[in-house]
Amino acid sequence: MLTILGGALLVAAPAVTADPLLIGAAFFVGGTAIVIWNVITVSLRQRITPDRLLGRVNSGYRLVAWGTMPLGAAGGGLLA
């Protein structure tokens, strides 16, 4: 739960303040929280997935996670 709140801090800080030190600190805390979140979720996924399906589950996750990034970038570019 703390990692999710830390990630939200990363996004919320620039909306609340214009102080570069506070924003930098929020980015540091938020970035650290995102790293910890990634370690937790990957570890949990590897632990609960049967060994025979581990490669398929990881490749499916990567396809959805990384494969949609260009779509988001294109959508953001069109919106901008």
N, C-alpha and C. Protein backbone atom coordinates (compact mmCIF):
# COMPACT_ATOMS: atom_id res chain seq x y z
N MET A 1 0.83 -1.19 0.00
CA MET A 1 0.00 0.00 0.00
C MET A 1 0.88 1.26 0.00
N LEU A 2 1.98 1.20 0.74
CA LEU A 2 2.87 2.36 0.78
C LEU A 2 3.50 2.65 -0.57
N THR A 3 3.77 1.60 -1.35
CA THR A 3 4.36 1.84 -2.67
C THR A 3 3.38 2.51 -3.61
N ILE A 4 2.12 2.20 -3.49
CA ILE A 4 1.11 2.85 -4.32
C ILE A 4 0.98 4.32 -3.94
N LEU A 5 0.99 4.60 -2.65
CA LEU A 5 0.93 5.99 -2.20
C LEU A 5 2.18 6.77 -2.61
N GLY A 6 3.33 6.11 -2.58
CA GLY A 6 4.56 6.75 -3.02
C GLY A 6 4.53 7.08 -4.50
N GLY A 7 3.97 6.17 -5.30
CA GLY A 7 3.82 6.44 -6.73
C GLY A 7 2.85 7.58 -6.99
N ALA A 8 1.80 7.67 -6.18
CA ALA A 8 0.85 8.78 -6.32
C ALA A 8 1.51 10.11 -5.96
N LEU A 9 2.42 10.08 -5.00
CA LEU A 9 3.15 11.28 -4.62
C LEU A 9 3.97 11.81 -5.79
N LEU A 10 4.51 10.90 -6.57
CA LEU A 10 5.29 11.27 -7.75
C LEU A 10 4.46 12.11 -8.72
N VAL A 11 3.21 11.76 -8.88
CA VAL A 11 2.33 12.46 -9.82
C VAL A 11 1.71 13.70 -9.19
N ALA A 12 1.40 13.63 -7.90
CA ALA A 12 0.67 14.72 -7.25
C ALA A 12 1.54 15.91 -6.87
N ALA A 13 2.81 15.70 -6.62
CA ALA A 13 3.67 16.79 -6.13
C ALA A 13 3.73 17.99 -7.08
N PRO A 14 3.93 17.81 -8.38
CA PRO A 14 3.98 19.00 -9.24
C PRO A 14 2.64 19.73 -9.35
N ALA A 15 1.55 19.02 -9.07
CA ALA A 15 0.24 19.66 -9.12
C ALA A 15 -0.02 20.51 -7.88
N VAL A 16 0.69 20.21 -6.79
CA VAL A 16 0.44 20.88 -5.52
C VAL A 16 1.41 22.04 -5.27
N THR A 17 2.64 21.89 -5.74
CA THR A 17 3.66 22.90 -5.43
C THR A 17 4.54 23.16 -6.65
N ALA A 18 5.19 24.30 -6.63
CA ALA A 18 6.14 24.63 -7.69
C ALA A 18 7.57 24.66 -7.16
N ASP A 19 7.75 24.31 -5.90
CA ASP A 19 9.08 24.29 -5.28
C ASP A 19 9.90 23.14 -5.85
N PRO A 20 11.02 23.44 -6.52
CA PRO A 20 11.79 22.37 -7.16
C PRO A 20 12.38 21.36 -6.17
N LEU A 21 12.70 21.80 -4.96
CA LEU A 21 13.24 20.86 -3.98
C LEU A 21 12.19 19.86 -3.52
N LEU A 22 10.98 20.34 -3.29
CA LEU A 22 9.90 19.43 -2.89
C LEU A 22 9.54 18.47 -4.01
N ILE A 23 9.51 19.00 -5.23
CA ILE A 23 9.19 18.14 -6.37
C ILE A 23 10.30 17.10 -6.56
N GLY A 24 11.55 17.51 -6.43
CA GLY A 24 12.66 16.56 -6.54
C GLY A 24 12.61 15.48 -5.48
N ALA A 25 12.29 15.87 -4.26
CA ALA A 25 12.17 14.89 -3.17
C ALA A 25 11.00 13.94 -3.44
N ALA A 26 9.90 14.48 -3.92
CA ALA A 26 8.74 13.64 -4.24
C ALA A 26 9.06 12.68 -5.38
N PHE A 27 9.82 13.15 -6.37
CA PHE A 27 10.22 12.27 -7.47
C PHE A 27 11.13 11.15 -6.96
N PHE A 28 12.03 11.49 -6.05
CA PHE A 28 12.92 10.46 -5.49
C PHE A 28 12.12 9.41 -4.73
N VAL A 29 11.22 9.87 -3.85
CA VAL A 29 10.40 8.94 -3.06
C VAL A 29 9.49 8.13 -3.98
N GLY A 30 8.86 8.80 -4.93
CA GLY A 30 7.96 8.10 -5.85
C GLY A 30 8.70 7.10 -6.72
N GLY A 31 9.88 7.47 -7.22
CA GLY A 31 10.66 6.55 -8.03
C GLY A 31 11.11 5.34 -7.24
N THR A 32 11.52 5.55 -6.01
CA THR A 32 11.91 4.44 -5.15
C THR A 32 10.71 3.53 -4.88
N ALA A 33 9.56 4.12 -4.65
CA ALA A 33 8.35 3.33 -4.40
C ALA A 33 7.98 2.49 -5.62
N ILE A 34 8.15 3.05 -6.81
CA ILE A 34 7.83 2.30 -8.03
C ILE A 34 8.79 1.12 -8.20
N VAL A 35 10.05 1.32 -7.89
CA VAL A 35 11.03 0.23 -7.97
C VAL A 35 10.64 -0.89 -7.00
N ILE A 36 10.29 -0.52 -5.78
CA ILE A 36 9.89 -1.52 -4.79
C ILE A 36 8.62 -2.24 -5.22
N TRP A 37 7.67 -1.50 -5.78
CA TRP A 37 6.42 -2.11 -6.29
C TRP A 37 6.74 -3.14 -7.37
N ASN A 38 7.64 -2.80 -8.28
CA ASN A 38 7.98 -3.73 -9.35
C ASN A 38 8.61 -5.01 -8.81
N VAL A 39 9.48 -4.88 -7.83
CA VAL A 39 10.10 -6.06 -7.23
C VAL A 39 9.05 -6.92 -6.55
N ILE A 40 8.14 -6.30 -5.82
CA ILE A 40 7.09 -7.06 -5.13
C ILE A 40 6.19 -7.79 -6.11
N THR A 41 5.73 -7.10 -7.15
CA THR A 41 4.78 -7.73 -8.08
C THR A 41 5.44 -8.84 -8.91
N VAL A 42 6.67 -8.63 -9.36
CA VAL A 42 7.34 -9.67 -10.13
C VAL A 42 7.62 -10.89 -9.24
N SER A 43 8.04 -10.65 -8.02
CA SER A 43 8.31 -11.76 -7.09
C SER A 43 7.03 -12.54 -6.80
N LEU A 44 5.94 -11.83 -6.58
CA LEU A 44 4.67 -12.51 -6.31
C LEU A 44 4.21 -13.30 -7.53
N ARG A 45 4.30 -12.70 -8.71
CA ARG A 45 3.89 -13.40 -9.94
C ARG A 45 4.72 -14.65 -10.15
N GLN A 46 6.02 -14.58 -9.92
CA GLN A 46 6.87 -15.75 -10.09
C GLN A 46 6.60 -16.82 -9.04
N ARG A 47 6.19 -16.39 -7.87
CA ARG A 47 5.93 -17.35 -6.79
C ARG A 47 4.62 -18.10 -7.00
N ILE A 48 3.59 -17.43 -7.50
CA ILE A 48 2.28 -18.08 -7.61
C ILE A 48 2.05 -18.76 -8.96
N THR A 49 2.93 -18.51 -9.93
CA THR A 49 2.79 -19.12 -11.24
C THR A 49 3.48 -20.48 -11.24
N PRO A 50 2.79 -21.52 -11.75
CA PRO A 50 3.45 -22.82 -11.85
C PRO A 50 4.69 -22.74 -12.75
N ASP A 51 5.70 -23.54 -12.44
CA ASP A 51 6.96 -23.48 -13.17
C ASP A 51 6.78 -23.69 -14.67
N ARG A 52 5.87 -24.57 -15.06
CA ARG A 52 5.70 -24.88 -16.47
C ARG A 52 5.07 -23.73 -17.25
N LEU A 53 4.45 -22.76 -16.55
CA LEU A 53 3.80 -21.64 -17.22
C LEU A 53 4.53 -20.32 -17.02
N LEU A 54 5.62 -20.34 -16.30
CA LEU A 54 6.29 -19.10 -15.93
C LEU A 54 6.73 -18.28 -17.13
N GLY A 55 7.31 -18.90 -18.13
CA GLY A 55 7.74 -18.17 -19.32
C GLY A 55 6.58 -17.55 -20.06
N ARG A 56 5.49 -18.28 -20.17
CA ARG A 56 4.32 -17.77 -20.88
C ARG A 56 3.67 -16.61 -20.13
N VAL A 57 3.59 -16.74 -18.83
CA VAL A 57 2.98 -15.67 -18.04
C VAL A 57 3.84 -14.41 -18.12
N ASN A 58 5.15 -14.55 -17.98
CA ASN A 58 6.03 -13.38 -18.05
C ASN A 58 5.99 -12.74 -19.43
N SER A 59 5.98 -13.55 -20.48
CA SER A 59 5.94 -12.96 -21.82
C SER A 59 4.60 -12.29 -22.08
N GLY A 60 3.52 -12.85 -21.59
CA GLY A 60 2.21 -12.20 -21.73
C GLY A 60 2.14 -10.89 -20.97
N TYR A 61 2.71 -10.88 -19.78
CA TYR A 61 2.76 -9.65 -19.00
C TYR A 61 3.57 -8.58 -19.71
N ARG A 62 4.73 -8.97 -20.22
CA ARG A 62 5.58 -8.00 -20.93
C ARG A 62 4.89 -7.48 -22.18
N LEU A 63 4.16 -8.35 -22.88
CA LEU A 63 3.45 -7.91 -24.07
C LEU A 63 2.42 -6.84 -23.74
N VAL A 64 1.67 -7.06 -22.68
CA VAL A 64 0.65 -6.08 -22.29
C VAL A 64 1.30 -4.82 -21.72
N ALA A 65 2.28 -4.98 -20.84
CA ALA A 65 2.89 -3.82 -20.18
C ALA A 65 3.70 -2.98 -21.15
N TRP A 66 4.60 -3.59 -21.89
CA TRP A 66 5.49 -2.84 -22.78
C TRP A 66 4.86 -2.61 -24.14
N GLY A 67 3.98 -3.50 -24.55
CA GLY A 67 3.37 -3.36 -25.88
C GLY A 67 2.38 -2.22 -25.98
N THR A 68 1.81 -1.81 -24.85
CA THR A 68 0.85 -0.70 -24.89
C THR A 68 1.51 0.66 -24.74
N MET A 69 2.79 0.69 -24.38
CA MET A 69 3.47 1.98 -24.21
C MET A 69 3.52 2.79 -25.50
N PRO A 70 3.81 2.20 -26.66
CA PRO A 70 3.78 3.01 -27.88
C PRO A 70 2.39 3.55 -28.20
N LEU A 71 1.36 2.80 -27.83
CA LEU A 71 -0.01 3.29 -28.05
C LEU A 71 -0.30 4.50 -27.18
N GLY A 72 0.15 4.46 -25.94
CA GLY A 72 -0.01 5.61 -25.05
C GLY A 72 0.79 6.81 -25.51
N ALA A 73 2.00 6.56 -26.02
CA ALA A 73 2.81 7.66 -26.53
C ALA A 73 2.17 8.28 -27.76
N ALA A 74 1.64 7.46 -28.65
CA ALA A 74 0.98 7.98 -29.84
C ALA A 74 -0.29 8.75 -29.46
N GLY A 75 -1.04 8.22 -28.51
CA GLY A 75 -2.24 8.91 -28.06
C GLY A 75 -1.90 10.25 -27.40
N GLY A 76 -0.85 10.26 -26.59
CA GLY A 76 -0.41 11.51 -25.96
C GLY A 76 0.06 12.52 -26.99
N GLY A 77 0.75 12.03 -28.03
CA GLY A 77 1.20 12.92 -29.09
C GLY A 77 0.03 13.52 -29.86
N LEU A 78 -0.97 12.71 -30.13
CA LEU A 78 -2.16 13.24 -30.81
C LEU A 78 -2.91 14.24 -29.94
N LEU A 79 -2.99 13.94 -28.66
CA LEU A 79 -3.67 14.84 -27.73
C LEU A 79 -2.94 16.16 -27.59
N ALA A 80 -1.62 16.11 -27.58
CA ALA A 80 -0.83 17.34 -27.45
C ALA A 80 -0.94 18.16 -28.72
